Amino acid sequence: MSQFILVYAPANFKDIKVFTPKRSIAVMSQILQDNNVDTTIYDFGIPEAIQYCSDDTTNKCIGKNDTKEHKIGLWLSRLLGSGKPKKDIRNSYLRWIYQNIKISSHTVCILFWIENREDLIVARILADEIRKEEAQNKIHIIGAGPYINHTGPYVITNIPEFNGILINHSEISILPLWEHLAFGKDLHSVPNYVYLEGNEIRIGPVNRLLTLDDLPTPSYDNYDALQKGGKLNIFTLEQVRDGRFGYSEPYTLKHYISASPENLLEEIGKLKEKYGTWTFHIEGEMANPSDVQSLSLALLKSPHFITYSRNFHCLNIQGDWVHSLHLSGCRAVSVNVPTGSQRLLSKYYGIMRTISSLETAISAFVASHFFTTIQCSYPCPEEDRHTFAETLRFVKRIKPDSVQVAPVYLLPDSMWWENMDSFNFNVNPTEYIEWLAGEQNSAKYLQWKPFDLSTMIDEIIKLDITPQTDALMGIITHVLQVSKEQKFFRNFFEKVLLEGDADSLQGMVSQFNNQLKKRIREEEWNVRKYDFKAVAN
């Protein structure tokens, strides 16, 4: 039987999300399984990986015990011998991944799931080595994931290690691609598939989902990292997805596709029964208030009590949602607020909402003891000392639990891309696309003017706010009964990451999953509002 392999090899270990199951990978695997295709998932976002890598501000992997490493062999010499960013990634982690991907003579295709530029660099290194070592098998290697969606088809010209990439809704593409590889189906008919033909970029029919209900509910049966207890039993539920045709500027709301509350409740029931969990993350920034309220009401009427976190875009966060969200089990929120500067918010990001209204809405969640995270974009090309101070002042007034800071990306086909000069992007488009594809470049594209990421992070730490922590940490501290005022758990988590302590991290994962089973009946309908505080808006 022919085999299809799905690989997630994260380059950044500081984000707690790498220790939760990847729903998109599980859905693609389920589609293949339902069509009798032998499928294997290799998810390396597990505690064991920490002994090979820890994280710093540049997302480089650092070897834990260099003195214990054997001399660099032929494989590693080839791997690190080039002048590309490949040499920035240490050998131990890559060797460990490569040795644990079980490729056989039956392997036909390998898909790498890519969430950021550093993930793409790792995937390119691994794909290059697979090509050299498995040349006789002629394995088809492709990339997919959020980063590929954002960069669009342009990067395909600079990633020769890949046969192609999947953009937009990769789930639509996975079975037709398999049918092409296994049965000779016409490649040109594979939807959302980008590849090179000669020197020309080819794109299959650009298809989109009409509703998320069209996708199967993943069983996670062949998700080995989950079955072995290497993942936190926090499952993603995809309520809303941006249905745009590809890769546009961030922070701009497009047309949305959604899942029905009935479908979400059915998935919750199956996961609770099978994995003994009641912790979830609701994915998707809501298009309108009715989506939020409909799911909250459905949860209140259902027999399922769950604890969950969810994302909001600054355009649609409303403080008067606090009551319904809290009653339905929400305990953590993440709000995408790119800046605290009113000028940048409207002119640069194109968001017509006042900073004062955002402060009022988000403060309602903070005051009601939600674990609150703000996603902030810094720096951007139009940043100055005044906008820097305005963002810090905004954060200081709200005092969230965490602020995630990420630099602004210039994305192909975006409004920014079409008007580079107007937005002070002084880049060479060809060189910049090469950089997006993972090539080394002397230009520091994400450090606009004199500002860099650490400038904002340092100031956030001075405010006694935790930087870079995901909203899922709020779910974890809630389950483990760690009050949000206590920073012991978060400090412990940071410590084991920095020290590469795989055993301690595995213990934390096991403790969390075991605690779920103990507490699953502790919080019932009549105590859903035990810590709720009404907030006047």
Foldseek 3Di string as FASTA:
>chain_A
DAEEEEEEDDLALPAQVLQADDQLVLLLVVVCVVVVHHYAYHRPSFLLLLQQAFQDPVSEGDHQCPVPDDPDDPLVCVQLVDPWCSVRHDDPSLVVVLVPPDDDLRYAEYEYEDEALSSLSSLLSSLVSCCVVVVVSPHAYEYEYDLCLAQDQLLQLQRVSHQWYAYANCSQQSVVVVCCRPPVDDPQQRARIWGDDPNDIHHHHQDWDQAPVVTDQGPCPNVVCVVVLRHFLAEEDEAKDQGDRGHAFPLDGHDMHGYALVSSVVSQVSSCVPQVFQEYEYEDADPEPVSVQRNLVSLLPDQHQHAYEYEYELQHQAQVCQVSCLLSHYQAYEYEDAFLDPCCVCPVSVRPDHSVRSLVRLLSNVVFNRQYEYEYEDDFQPDDPVRLVSRLVSCLSSVHQEYEYHYGDDHPPYPCNVVVVVRVQDDDVVVVSSVSSRGDDPDPRRAHDPRDDVVSVVSCVVSVHHYPYDRVVSVQCVLVVNRSVDCVVVVVSSVCSVSSPSVVSSVSSVVSSVSSNVCVPVDGSVCSCVSGDDDDD
